[in-house]
Structure formats: C-alpha cells, structure tokens
Amino acid sequence: QQVLVSMAGFEPSRLQARAGQDVALTFVNADSQFHVDGGGWHQFRIEALNIDVRIAPKSQKTVNLGSLPAGNYEFYCDICCGGKENPSMRGVLEVRG
C-alpha cells in the first residue's frame, strides 16, 4: 500500500489491513529538504506498536510492519506542521480480523 506524506498530511490517512497477514507500506515523501519546518523530513509513528519510521525528503521508503493483531492504530508525524496535534498529520491504520 502506498502512502503519500507531505506538508498537507498523509494520503490516504485511513489505511486498512487484515489481521494475521504481513503489512507492508511504501511511504513517498514529496517535500524537499528546503522546507523550513522539519527540513522536509516526515515520520510514521504508531506509539501502540512502538513503530517509528523517518522518511527523508524527496524519497520513498518501504516498511514491513509484519503481522499485526486486529485493532485501530493511530499514526502521526510529529516532525513538522504542528505535529500530532495537527489533524492533517494524523491517521488510522485499521487492522481487521
């Protein structure tokens, strides 16, 4: 599943997966290193699963989250644009059983 991350937030901001199956996400960071807030870096953080991925400016990164239990997991970027307090910089990974 591909996720675009930029100053505008995550697109899509609602992700879905199946419990018991490997979850792989490819993040595409559209921002440049000249961005004054955070230097163009973005983050995919799920506190409940201890996941913290950093995505460099103008790059893409594929992350295998492994097999996850069913549940709704809030994720966010806390590097720029108001961080996790900004609704645009948050989303939900919904893992269904």
Protein backbone atom coordinates (compact mmCIF):
# COMPACT_ATOMS: atom_id res chain seq x y z
CA GLN A 1 0.00 0.00 0.00
CA GLN A 2 1.43 3.39 -0.98
CA VAL A 3 1.09 6.44 1.28
CA LEU A 4 1.99 9.98 0.19
CA VAL A 5 3.25 12.15 3.04
CA SER A 6 3.74 15.90 2.69
CA MET A 7 3.01 19.18 4.46
CA ALA A 8 -0.63 18.52 3.58
CA GLY A 9 -0.57 15.31 5.65
CA PHE A 10 -0.99 11.62 4.84
CA GLU A 11 -2.83 10.49 1.71
CA PRO A 12 -4.65 8.28 2.36
CA SER A 13 -4.99 8.99 6.07
CA ARG A 14 -7.06 5.85 6.68
CA LEU A 15 -5.22 2.61 5.95
CA GLN A 16 -6.65 -0.90 6.08
CA ALA A 17 -5.05 -4.30 6.58
CA ARG A 18 -6.01 -7.83 7.58
CA ALA A 19 -5.02 -9.32 10.92
CA GLY A 20 -2.57 -12.20 10.61
CA GLN A 21 -1.15 -11.01 7.28
CA ASP A 22 2.07 -9.08 6.74
CA VAL A 23 1.51 -5.35 6.33
CA ALA A 24 3.90 -3.51 4.00
CA LEU A 25 3.61 0.24 3.47
CA THR A 26 5.54 2.36 0.98
CA PHE A 27 5.87 5.99 2.04
CA VAL A 28 6.54 8.64 -0.59
CA ASN A 29 7.78 11.96 0.82
CA ALA A 30 7.01 14.73 -1.66
CA ASP A 31 8.64 17.55 0.34
CA SER A 32 12.11 18.92 -0.39
CA GLN A 33 14.98 19.44 2.02
CA PHE A 34 14.47 23.20 1.65
CA HIS A 35 11.26 23.04 3.70
CA VAL A 36 11.89 25.35 6.68
CA ASP A 37 9.74 23.32 9.10
CA GLY A 38 11.48 19.99 9.72
CA GLY A 39 13.87 20.15 6.76
CA GLY A 40 11.49 18.13 4.60
CA TRP A 41 11.62 15.03 6.83
CA HIS A 42 8.46 13.19 7.84
CA GLN A 43 7.65 10.47 10.34
CA PHE A 44 5.28 7.50 10.59
CA ARG A 45 4.80 6.82 14.29
CA ILE A 46 2.47 4.30 15.96
CA GLU A 47 3.06 4.52 19.71
CA ALA A 48 0.90 1.46 20.50
CA LEU A 49 3.17 -0.74 18.35
CA ASN A 50 6.48 1.03 19.08
CA ILE A 51 6.90 1.87 15.38
CA ASP A 52 8.87 4.99 14.45
CA VAL A 53 9.91 5.41 10.81
CA ARG A 54 11.61 8.52 9.36
CA ILE A 55 11.24 9.32 5.66
CA ALA A 56 13.88 11.57 4.08
CA PRO A 57 12.91 14.46 1.78
CA LYS A 58 12.13 13.58 -1.85
CA SER A 59 12.40 9.85 -1.19
CA GLN A 60 10.38 6.73 -0.69
CA LYS A 61 10.73 4.02 1.90
CA THR A 62 9.02 0.64 2.17
CA VAL A 63 8.42 -0.66 5.68
CA ASN A 64 7.23 -4.15 6.59
CA LEU A 65 5.21 -3.92 9.81
CA GLY A 66 4.81 -7.69 10.00
CA SER A 67 1.62 -9.42 11.09
CA LEU A 68 -0.50 -7.19 13.31
CA PRO A 69 -3.35 -8.02 15.69
CA ALA A 70 -6.80 -6.64 14.93
CA GLY A 71 -7.43 -3.11 16.11
CA ASN A 72 -7.34 0.56 15.19
CA TYR A 73 -3.89 2.14 15.46
CA GLU A 74 -3.44 5.91 15.36
CA PHE A 75 -0.37 7.10 13.49
CA TYR A 76 1.14 10.56 13.12
CA CYS A 77 4.08 12.70 12.04
CA ASP A 78 5.49 14.82 14.87
CA ILE A 79 8.34 16.42 12.93
CA CYS A 80 6.66 19.39 11.26
CA CYS A 81 3.46 21.27 10.52
CA GLY A 82 2.18 21.32 14.10
CA GLY A 83 2.99 17.67 14.68
CA LYS A 84 0.50 15.18 16.03
CA GLU A 85 -1.75 17.99 17.28
CA ASN A 86 -2.48 18.87 13.62
CA PRO A 87 -5.34 16.63 12.37
CA SER A 88 -3.79 16.62 8.87
CA MET A 89 -0.64 14.99 10.22
CA ARG A 90 -2.53 12.03 11.74
CA GLY A 91 -4.35 8.95 10.51
CA VAL A 92 -5.57 5.49 11.43
CA LEU A 93 -4.37 2.01 10.46
CA GLU A 94 -7.40 -0.26 10.73
CA VAL A 95 -6.48 -3.94 11.06
CA ARG A 96 -9.50 -6.20 10.70
CA GLY A 97 -9.77 -9.77 11.95
